Every structure is written in C-alpha cells, then in structure tokens.
Amino acid sequence: MNQYPLPNENVISAGIFTLTTAINCELRVRQRRLTDYLNAAEERFFMVEKVRISALAASVSSARSAPFAQLNRDAVVFAIPYAGEASD
C-alpha cells in the first residue's frame, strides 16, 4: 500500500469492532470523519493498513498483525477514531 497520502486524503488511526474482534488499524479516506467513511454505501468492503486483530473472547488471547486487511462494512458494530480525524 502507498505510504504517502494522496491529495485530499486523510490517514485515520482507529479501532474497529465487530461482534468477535477488535481491529486496530489505519484507514486512508477522503472524508473528514470516520463516521462519514463507514456510512458511505459505495463499497461493501474497505481496506485498512497497519492492522492488529485481537479476539474479544476472554479465552483467546492471541493477536495477529498484518500490513493490510479487507473488512466487510456490514460486520462493523462500532469504530473509534484515535488520531487523524479532522475536527469541525
């Protein structure tokens, strides 16, 4: 993945949560806010970078890392921007 942002592109560090996993990652978006990006219905899947995936189950403690991953928008329960989101 490109390590340099394109014009009008924001890099947002975020935590994305599904029913079973917590995903810490970076997203490259053209929108100002993470919510705007996740609520856009343009694509069913989206790409994230610098990924660390952890299971939410207490009995499973292993975490995995990857340079990138593809996530299904419908699987996202909630997301928290950590840094990079434009403020109003």
PDB file of N, CA and C in Angstrom:
ATOM      1  N   MET A   1       0.851  -1.170   0.000  1.00  0.00           N
ATOM      2  CA  MET A   1       0.000   0.000   0.000  1.00  0.00           C
ATOM      3  C   MET A   1       0.893   1.228   0.000  1.00  0.00           C
ATOM      4  N   ASN A   2       0.363   2.282  -0.525  1.00  0.00           N
ATOM      5  CA  ASN A   2       1.112   3.521  -0.651  1.00  0.00           C
ATOM      6  C   ASN A   2       1.316   4.155   0.716  1.00  0.00           C
ATOM      7  N   GLN A   3       2.557   4.501   1.033  1.00  0.00           N
ATOM      8  CA  GLN A   3       2.833   5.094   2.336  1.00  0.00           C
ATOM      9  C   GLN A   3       2.672   6.610   2.342  1.00  0.00           C
ATOM     10  N   TYR A   4       2.407   7.200   1.176  1.00  0.00           N
ATOM     11  CA  TYR A   4       2.237   8.638   1.076  1.00  0.00           C
ATOM     12  C   TYR A   4       0.791   8.964   0.729  1.00  0.00           C
ATOM     13  N   PRO A   5       0.146   9.826   1.522  1.00  0.00           N
ATOM     14  CA  PRO A   5      -1.255  10.146   1.246  1.00  0.00           C
ATOM     15  C   PRO A   5      -1.413  10.879  -0.089  1.00  0.00           C
ATOM     16  N   LEU A   6      -2.510  10.638  -0.757  1.00  0.00           N
ATOM     17  CA  LEU A   6      -2.856  11.356  -1.973  1.00  0.00           C
ATOM     18  C   LEU A   6      -3.431  12.715  -1.596  1.00  0.00           C
ATOM     19  N   PRO A   7      -3.521  13.649  -2.552  1.00  0.00           N
ATOM     20  CA  PRO A   7      -4.167  14.934  -2.235  1.00  0.00           C
ATOM     21  C   PRO A   7      -5.584  14.706  -1.734  1.00  0.00           C
ATOM     22  N   ASN A   8      -5.995  15.459  -0.755  1.00  0.00           N
ATOM     23  CA  ASN A   8      -7.332  15.361  -0.145  1.00  0.00           C
ATOM     24  C   ASN A   8      -7.574  14.030   0.542  1.00  0.00           C
ATOM     25  N   GLU A   9      -6.526  13.342   0.938  1.00  0.00           N
ATOM     26  CA  GLU A   9      -6.669  12.052   1.618  1.00  0.00           C
ATOM     27  C   GLU A   9      -6.218  12.196   3.068  1.00  0.00           C
ATOM     28  N   ASN A  10      -7.012  11.662   3.982  1.00  0.00           N
ATOM     29  CA  ASN A  10      -6.673  11.667   5.404  1.00  0.00           C
ATOM     30  C   ASN A  10      -6.303  10.262   5.839  1.00  0.00           C
ATOM     31  N   VAL A  11      -5.332  10.161   6.737  1.00  0.00           N
ATOM     32  CA  VAL A  11      -4.993   8.874   7.342  1.00  0.00           C
ATOM     33  C   VAL A  11      -5.524   8.917   8.769  1.00  0.00           C
ATOM     34  N   ILE A  12      -6.434   8.010   9.081  1.00  0.00           N
ATOM     35  CA  ILE A  12      -7.066   7.973  10.400  1.00  0.00           C
ATOM     36  C   ILE A  12      -6.666   6.687  11.118  1.00  0.00           C
ATOM     37  N   SER A  13      -6.107   6.819  12.311  1.00  0.00           N
ATOM     38  CA  SER A  13      -5.857   5.656  13.173  1.00  0.00           C
ATOM     39  C   SER A  13      -7.146   5.383  13.929  1.00  0.00           C
ATOM     40  N   ALA A  14      -7.562   4.108  13.954  1.00  0.00           N
ATOM     41  CA  ALA A  14      -8.860   3.811  14.555  1.00  0.00           C
ATOM     42  C   ALA A  14      -8.905   2.413  15.145  1.00  0.00           C
ATOM     43  N   GLY A  15      -9.878   2.226  16.010  1.00  0.00           N
ATOM     44  CA  GLY A  15     -10.242   0.907  16.500  1.00  0.00           C
ATOM     45  C   GLY A  15     -11.586   0.558  15.891  1.00  0.00           C
ATOM     46  N   ILE A  16     -11.652  -0.574  15.211  1.00  0.00           N
ATOM     47  CA  ILE A  16     -12.891  -1.024  14.594  1.00  0.00           C
ATOM     48  C   ILE A  16     -13.287  -2.332  15.267  1.00  0.00           C
ATOM     49  N   PHE A  17     -14.537  -2.411  15.677  1.00  0.00           N
ATOM     50  CA  PHE A  17     -15.002  -3.565  16.438  1.00  0.00           C
ATOM     51  C   PHE A  17     -16.116  -4.289  15.690  1.00  0.00           C
ATOM     52  N   THR A  18     -15.993  -5.619  15.633  1.00  0.00           N
ATOM     53  CA  THR A  18     -17.061  -6.478  15.111  1.00  0.00           C
ATOM     54  C   THR A  18     -17.615  -7.241  16.310  1.00  0.00           C
ATOM     55  N   LEU A  19     -18.485  -8.184  16.074  1.00  0.00           N
ATOM     56  CA  LEU A  19     -19.029  -8.965  17.187  1.00  0.00           C
ATOM     57  C   LEU A  19     -17.974  -9.814  17.878  1.00  0.00           C
ATOM     58  N   THR A  20     -16.917 -10.195  17.148  1.00  0.00           N
ATOM     59  CA  THR A  20     -15.923 -11.118  17.711  1.00  0.00           C
ATOM     60  C   THR A  20     -14.506 -10.571  17.779  1.00  0.00           C
ATOM     61  N   THR A  21     -14.220  -9.450  17.120  1.00  0.00           N
ATOM     62  CA  THR A  21     -12.838  -8.963  17.059  1.00  0.00           C
ATOM     63  C   THR A  21     -12.722  -7.463  17.293  1.00  0.00           C
ATOM     64  N   ALA A  22     -11.535  -7.087  17.754  1.00  0.00           N
ATOM     65  CA  ALA A  22     -11.139  -5.686  17.839  1.00  0.00           C
ATOM     66  C   ALA A  22      -9.998  -5.505  16.848  1.00  0.00           C
ATOM     67  N   ILE A  23     -10.114  -4.508  15.988  1.00  0.00           N
ATOM     68  CA  ILE A  23      -9.132  -4.285  14.936  1.00  0.00           C
ATOM     69  C   ILE A  23      -8.567  -2.885  15.093  1.00  0.00           C
ATOM     70  N   ASN A  24      -7.282  -2.791  15.404  1.00  0.00           N
ATOM     71  CA  ASN A  24      -6.605  -1.500  15.441  1.00  0.00           C
ATOM     72  C   ASN A  24      -5.908  -1.336  14.106  1.00  0.00           C
ATOM     73  N   CYS A  25      -6.096  -0.167  13.480  1.00  0.00           N
ATOM     74  CA  CYS A  25      -5.603  -0.022  12.110  1.00  0.00           C
ATOM     75  C   CYS A  25      -5.528   1.443  11.705  1.00  0.00           C
ATOM     76  N   GLU A  26      -5.083   1.649  10.468  1.00  0.00           N
ATOM     77  CA  GLU A  26      -5.116   2.958   9.830  1.00  0.00           C
ATOM     78  C   GLU A  26      -5.977   2.847   8.576  1.00  0.00           C
ATOM     79  N   LEU A  27      -6.734   3.896   8.302  1.00  0.00           N
ATOM     80  CA  LEU A  27      -7.560   3.962   7.102  1.00  0.00           C
ATOM     81  C   LEU A  27      -7.159   5.185   6.298  1.00  0.00           C
ATOM     82  N   ARG A  28      -7.133   5.056   4.996  1.00  0.00           N
ATOM     83  CA  ARG A  28      -6.900   6.192   4.095  1.00  0.00           C
ATOM     84  C   ARG A  28      -8.248   6.575   3.512  1.00  0.00           C
ATOM     85  N   VAL A  29      -8.721   7.758   3.860  1.00  0.00           N
ATOM     86  CA  VAL A  29     -10.065   8.182   3.467  1.00  0.00           C
ATOM     87  C   VAL A  29     -10.037   9.589   2.877  1.00  0.00           C
ATOM     88  N   ARG A  30     -11.026   9.891   2.079  1.00  0.00           N
ATOM     89  CA  ARG A  30     -11.172  11.249   1.537  1.00  0.00           C
ATOM     90  C   ARG A  30     -12.151  12.076   2.370  1.00  0.00           C
ATOM     91  N   GLN A  31     -12.958  11.410   3.196  1.00  0.00           N
ATOM     92  CA  GLN A  31     -13.893  12.116   4.054  1.00  0.00           C
ATOM     93  C   GLN A  31     -13.152  12.706   5.251  1.00  0.00           C
ATOM     94  N   ARG A  32     -13.783  13.675   5.890  1.00  0.00           N
ATOM     95  CA  ARG A  32     -13.170  14.309   7.055  1.00  0.00           C
ATOM     96  C   ARG A  32     -13.332  13.481   8.318  1.00  0.00           C
ATOM     97  N   ARG A  33     -14.425  12.724   8.400  1.00  0.00           N
ATOM     98  CA  ARG A  33     -14.719  11.965   9.621  1.00  0.00           C
ATOM     99  C   ARG A  33     -14.827  10.476   9.326  1.00  0.00           C
ATOM    100  N   LEU A  34     -14.437   9.674  10.292  1.00  0.00           N
ATOM    101  CA  LEU A  34     -14.516   8.222  10.170  1.00  0.00           C
ATOM    102  C   LEU A  34     -15.956   7.767   9.961  1.00  0.00           C
ATOM    103  N   THR A  35     -16.895   8.380  10.656  1.00  0.00           N
ATOM    104  CA  THR A  35     -18.308   8.003  10.516  1.00  0.00           C
ATOM    105  C   THR A  35     -18.808   8.208   9.092  1.00  0.00           C
ATOM    106  N   ASP A  36     -18.410   9.301   8.476  1.00  0.00           N
ATOM    107  CA  ASP A  36     -18.822   9.549   7.093  1.00  0.00           C
ATOM    108  C   ASP A  36     -18.306   8.452   6.175  1.00  0.00           C
ATOM    109  N   TYR A  37     -17.087   8.030   6.391  1.00  0.00           N
ATOM    110  CA  TYR A  37     -16.492   6.983   5.563  1.00  0.00           C
ATOM    111  C   TYR A  37     -17.198   5.641   5.763  1.00  0.00           C
ATOM    112  N   LEU A  38     -17.415   5.262   7.007  1.00  0.00           N
ATOM    113  CA  LEU A  38     -18.027   3.962   7.283  1.00  0.00           C
ATOM    114  C   LEU A  38     -19.497   3.905   6.870  1.00  0.00           C
ATOM    115  N   ASN A  39     -20.192   5.030   6.889  1.00  0.00           N
ATOM    116  CA  ASN A  39     -21.597   5.050   6.499  1.00  0.00           C
ATOM    117  C   ASN A  39     -21.805   5.192   4.999  1.00  0.00           C
ATOM    118  N   ALA A  40     -20.748   5.462   4.252  1.00  0.00           N
ATOM    119  CA  ALA A  40     -20.865   5.555   2.798  1.00  0.00           C
ATOM    120  C   ALA A  40     -21.162   4.167   2.245  1.00  0.00           C
ATOM    121  N   ALA A  41     -22.132   4.077   1.397  1.00  0.00           N
ATOM    122  CA  ALA A  41     -22.549   2.768   0.881  1.00  0.00           C
ATOM    123  C   ALA A  41     -21.931   2.459  -0.481  1.00  0.00           C
ATOM    124  N   GLU A  42     -20.863   3.154  -0.840  1.00  0.00           N
ATOM    125  CA  GLU A  42     -20.255   2.983  -2.157  1.00  0.00           C
ATOM    126  C   GLU A  42     -19.697   1.576  -2.345  1.00  0.00           C
ATOM    127  N   GLU A  43     -19.000   1.076  -1.376  1.00  0.00           N
ATOM    128  CA  GLU A  43     -18.358  -0.232  -1.456  1.00  0.00           C
ATOM    129  C   GLU A  43     -18.776  -1.083  -0.268  1.00  0.00           C
ATOM    130  N   ARG A  44     -18.938  -2.356  -0.502  1.00  0.00           N
ATOM    131  CA  ARG A  44     -19.311  -3.263   0.581  1.00  0.00           C
ATOM    132  C   ARG A  44     -18.123  -3.576   1.496  1.00  0.00           C
ATOM    133  N   PHE A  45     -16.916  -3.571   0.919  1.00  0.00           N
ATOM    134  CA  PHE A  45     -15.692  -3.847   1.671  1.00  0.00           C
ATOM    135  C   PHE A  45     -14.796  -2.627   1.652  1.00  0.00           C
ATOM    136  N   PHE A  46     -13.887  -2.538   2.625  1.00  0.00           N
ATOM    137  CA  PHE A  46     -12.905  -1.450   2.633  1.00  0.00           C
ATOM    138  C   PHE A  46     -11.568  -1.979   3.130  1.00  0.00           C
ATOM    139  N   MET A  47     -10.513  -1.286   2.761  1.00  0.00           N
ATOM    140  CA  MET A  47      -9.153  -1.697   3.105  1.00  0.00           C
ATOM    141  C   MET A  47      -8.645  -0.900   4.303  1.00  0.00           C
ATOM    142  N   VAL A  48      -7.879  -1.572   5.145  1.00  0.00           N
ATOM    143  CA  VAL A  48      -7.207  -0.925   6.272  1.00  0.00           C
ATOM    144  C   VAL A  48      -5.735  -1.326   6.251  1.00  0.00           C
ATOM    145  N   GLU A  49      -4.896  -0.511   6.859  1.00  0.00           N
ATOM    146  CA  GLU A  49      -3.451  -0.747   6.884  1.00  0.00           C
ATOM    147  C   GLU A  49      -2.954  -0.850   8.313  1.00  0.00           C
ATOM    148  N   LYS A  50      -1.736  -1.365   8.462  1.00  0.00           N
ATOM    149  CA  LYS A  50      -1.084  -1.498   9.780  1.00  0.00           C
ATOM    150  C   LYS A  50      -2.056  -2.120  10.777  1.00  0.00           C
ATOM    151  N   VAL A  51      -2.485  -3.327  10.475  1.00  0.00           N
ATOM    152  CA  VAL A  51      -3.586  -3.983  11.169  1.00  0.00           C
ATOM    153  C   VAL A  51      -3.100  -4.842  12.339  1.00  0.00           C
ATOM    154  N   ARG A  52      -3.832  -4.772  13.435  1.00  0.00           N
ATOM    155  CA  ARG A  52      -3.634  -5.667  14.572  1.00  0.00           C
ATOM    156  C   ARG A  52      -5.020  -6.144  14.977  1.00  0.00           C
ATOM    157  N   ILE A  53      -5.237  -7.451  14.874  1.00  0.00           N
ATOM    158  CA  ILE A  53      -6.552  -8.039  15.138  1.00  0.00           C
ATOM    159  C   ILE A  53      -6.483  -8.864  16.415  1.00  0.00           C
ATOM    160  N   SER A  54      -7.404  -8.599  17.337  1.00  0.00           N
ATOM    161  CA  SER A  54      -7.486  -9.332  18.604  1.00  0.00           C
ATOM    162  C   SER A  54      -8.893  -9.874  18.770  1.00  0.00           C
ATOM    163  N   ALA A  55      -8.989 -11.090  19.286  1.00  0.00           N
ATOM    164  CA  ALA A  55     -10.297 -11.682  19.568  1.00  0.00           C
ATOM    165  C   ALA A  55     -10.874 -11.055  20.828  1.00  0.00           C
ATOM    166  N   LEU A  56     -12.172 -10.843  20.850  1.00  0.00           N
ATOM    167  CA  LEU A  56     -12.824 -10.269  22.030  1.00  0.00           C
ATOM    168  C   LEU A  56     -13.130 -11.314  23.095  1.00  0.00           C
ATOM    169  N   ALA A  57     -13.109 -12.591  22.735  1.00  0.00           N
ATOM    170  CA  ALA A  57     -13.374 -13.664  23.695  1.00  0.00           C
ATOM    171  C   ALA A  57     -12.256 -13.716  24.729  1.00  0.00           C
ATOM    172  N   ALA A  58     -12.624 -13.857  25.993  1.00  0.00           N
ATOM    173  CA  ALA A  58     -11.634 -13.870  27.074  1.00  0.00           C
ATOM    174  C   ALA A  58     -10.717 -15.084  26.999  1.00  0.00           C
ATOM    175  N   SER A  59     -11.191 -16.183  26.458  1.00  0.00           N
ATOM    176  CA  SER A  59     -10.389 -17.400  26.426  1.00  0.00           C
ATOM    177  C   SER A  59      -9.320 -17.380  25.320  1.00  0.00           C
ATOM    178  N   VAL A  60      -9.440 -16.465  24.395  1.00  0.00           N
ATOM    179  CA  VAL A  60      -8.485 -16.386  23.288  1.00  0.00           C
ATOM    180  C   VAL A  60      -7.658 -15.116  23.463  1.00  0.00           C
ATOM    181  N   SER A  61      -6.356 -15.269  23.591  1.00  0.00           N
ATOM    182  CA  SER A  61      -5.527 -14.094  23.856  1.00  0.00           C
ATOM    183  C   SER A  61      -4.536 -13.776  22.738  1.00  0.00           C
ATOM    184  N   SER A  62      -4.559 -14.533  21.658  1.00  0.00           N
ATOM    185  CA  SER A  62      -3.595 -14.281  20.594  1.00  0.00           C
ATOM    186  C   SER A  62      -4.064 -13.146  19.687  1.00  0.00           C
ATOM    187  N   ALA A  63      -3.133 -12.308  19.303  1.00  0.00           N
ATOM    188  CA  ALA A  63      -3.405 -11.205  18.387  1.00  0.00           C
ATOM    189  C   ALA A  63      -2.584 -11.428  17.128  1.00  0.00           C
ATOM    190  N   ARG A  64      -3.116 -10.982  16.017  1.00  0.00           N
ATOM    191  CA  ARG A  64      -2.412 -11.107  14.744  1.00  0.00           C
ATOM    192  C   ARG A  64      -2.167  -9.740  14.153  1.00  0.00           C
ATOM    193  N   SER A  65      -1.057  -9.616  13.447  1.00  0.00           N
ATOM    194  CA  SER A  65      -0.722  -8.369  12.759  1.00  0.00           C
ATOM    195  C   SER A  65      -0.584  -8.631  11.273  1.00  0.00           C
ATOM    196  N   ALA A  66      -0.881  -7.612  10.487  1.00  0.00           N
ATOM    197  CA  ALA A  66      -0.744  -7.709   9.038  1.00  0.00           C
ATOM    198  C   ALA A  66      -0.535  -6.310   8.468  1.00  0.00           C
ATOM    199  N   PRO A  67       0.117  -6.210   7.320  1.00  0.00           N
ATOM    200  CA  PRO A  67       0.308  -4.892   6.721  1.00  0.00           C
ATOM    201  C   PRO A  67      -1.001  -4.292   6.213  1.00  0.00           C
ATOM    202  N   PHE A  68      -1.960  -5.148   5.816  1.00  0.00           N
ATOM    203  CA  PHE A  68      -3.262  -4.656   5.371  1.00  0.00           C
ATOM    204  C   PHE A  68      -4.308  -5.756   5.506  1.00  0.00           C
ATOM    205  N   ALA A  69      -5.581  -5.353   5.468  1.00  0.00           N
ATOM    206  CA  ALA A  69      -6.690  -6.307   5.529  1.00  0.00           C
ATOM    207  C   ALA A  69      -7.898  -5.686   4.847  1.00  0.00           C
ATOM    208  N   GLN A  70      -8.810  -6.530   4.449  1.00  0.00           N
ATOM    209  CA  GLN A  70     -10.063  -6.099   3.844  1.00  0.00           C
ATOM    210  C   GLN A  70     -11.181  -6.426   4.813  1.00  0.00           C
ATOM    211  N   LEU A  71     -12.018  -5.444   5.126  1.00  0.00           N
ATOM    212  CA  LEU A  71     -13.103  -5.631   6.082  1.00  0.00           C
ATOM    213  C   LEU A  71     -14.460  -5.437   5.407  1.00  0.00           C
ATOM    214  N   ASN A  72     -15.443  -6.154   5.885  1.00  0.00           N
ATOM    215  CA  ASN A  72     -16.813  -6.022   5.406  1.00  0.00           C
ATOM    216  C   ASN A  72     -17.501  -4.925   6.215  1.00  0.00           C
ATOM    217  N   ARG A  73     -18.025  -3.908   5.543  1.00  0.00           N
ATOM    218  CA  ARG A  73     -18.707  -2.806   6.230  1.00  0.00           C
ATOM    219  C   ARG A  73     -19.853  -3.294   7.113  1.00  0.00           C
ATOM    220  N   ASP A  74     -20.574  -4.304   6.655  1.00  0.00           N
ATOM    221  CA  ASP A  74     -21.728  -4.812   7.406  1.00  0.00           C
ATOM    222  C   ASP A  74     -21.323  -5.488   8.711  1.00  0.00           C
ATOM    223  N   ALA A  75     -20.071  -5.894   8.848  1.00  0.00           N
ATOM    224  CA  ALA A  75     -19.610  -6.561  10.067  1.00  0.00           C
ATOM    225  C   ALA A  75     -19.223  -5.566  11.166  1.00  0.00           C
ATOM    226  N   VAL A  76     -19.051  -4.301  10.828  1.00  0.00           N
ATOM    227  CA  VAL A  76     -18.620  -3.296  11.802  1.00  0.00           C
ATOM    228  C   VAL A  76     -19.769  -2.954  12.746  1.00  0.00           C
ATOM    229  N   VAL A  77     -19.516  -3.128  14.040  1.00  0.00           N
ATOM    230  CA  VAL A  77     -20.502  -2.784  15.059  1.00  0.00           C
ATOM    231  C   VAL A  77     -20.302  -1.335  15.487  1.00  0.00           C
ATOM    232  N   PHE A  78     -19.055  -0.961  15.774  1.00  0.00           N
ATOM    233  CA  PHE A  78     -18.723   0.436  16.058  1.00  0.00           C
ATOM    234  C   PHE A  78     -17.249   0.662  15.804  1.00  0.00           C
ATOM    235  N   ALA A  79     -16.870   1.937  15.714  1.00  0.00           N
ATOM    236  CA  ALA A  79     -15.475   2.313  15.456  1.00  0.00           C
ATOM    237  C   ALA A  79     -15.141   3.553  16.257  1.00  0.00           C
ATOM    238  N   ILE A  80     -13.880   3.626  16.666  1.00  0.00           N
ATOM    239  CA  ILE A  80     -13.399   4.756  17.459  1.00  0.00           C
ATOM    240  C   ILE A  80     -12.169   5.349  16.769  1.00  0.00           C
ATOM    241  N   PRO A  81     -12.222   6.616  16.346  1.00  0.00           N
ATOM    242  CA  PRO A  81     -11.022   7.227  15.779  1.00  0.00           C
ATOM    243  C   PRO A  81     -10.047   7.591  16.904  1.00  0.00           C
ATOM    244  N   TYR A  82      -8.787   7.218  16.730  1.00  0.00           N
ATOM    245  CA  TYR A  82      -7.768   7.541  17.730  1.00  0.00           C
ATOM    246  C   TYR A  82      -7.030   8.818  17.352  1.00  0.00           C
ATOM    247  N   ALA A  83      -6.712   8.965  16.077  1.00  0.00           N
ATOM    248  CA  ALA A  83      -5.964  10.144  15.616  1.00  0.00           C
ATOM    249  C   ALA A  83      -6.172  10.298  14.123  1.00  0.00           C
ATOM    250  N   GLY A  84      -6.064  11.550  13.666  1.00  0.00           N
ATOM    251  CA  GLY A  84      -6.107  11.820  12.240  1.00  0.00           C
ATOM    252  C   GLY A  84      -7.445  12.301  11.733  1.00  0.00           C
ATOM    253  N   GLU A  85      -8.480  12.220  12.568  1.00  0.00           N
ATOM    254  CA  GLU A  85      -9.789  12.677  12.120  1.00  0.00           C
ATOM    255  C   GLU A  85      -9.841  14.189  12.203  1.00  0.00           C
ATOM    256  N   ALA A  86     -10.358  14.812  11.154  1.00  0.00           N
ATOM    257  CA  ALA A  86     -10.448  16.275  11.114  1.00  0.00           C
ATOM    258  C   ALA A  86     -11.499  16.737  12.103  1.00  0.00           C
ATOM    259  N   SER A  87     -11.193  17.812  12.813  1.00  0.00           N
ATOM    260  CA  SER A  87     -12.160  18.355  13.762  1.00  0.00           C
ATOM    261  C   SER A  87     -12.963  19.457  13.087  1.00  0.00           C
ATOM    262  N   ASP A  88     -14.187  19.643  13.543  1.00  0.00           N
ATOM    263  CA  ASP A  88     -15.069  20.677  12.964  1.00  0.00           C
ATOM    264  C   ASP A  88     -14.788  22.025  13.578  1.00  0.00           C
TER     265      ASP A  88
END
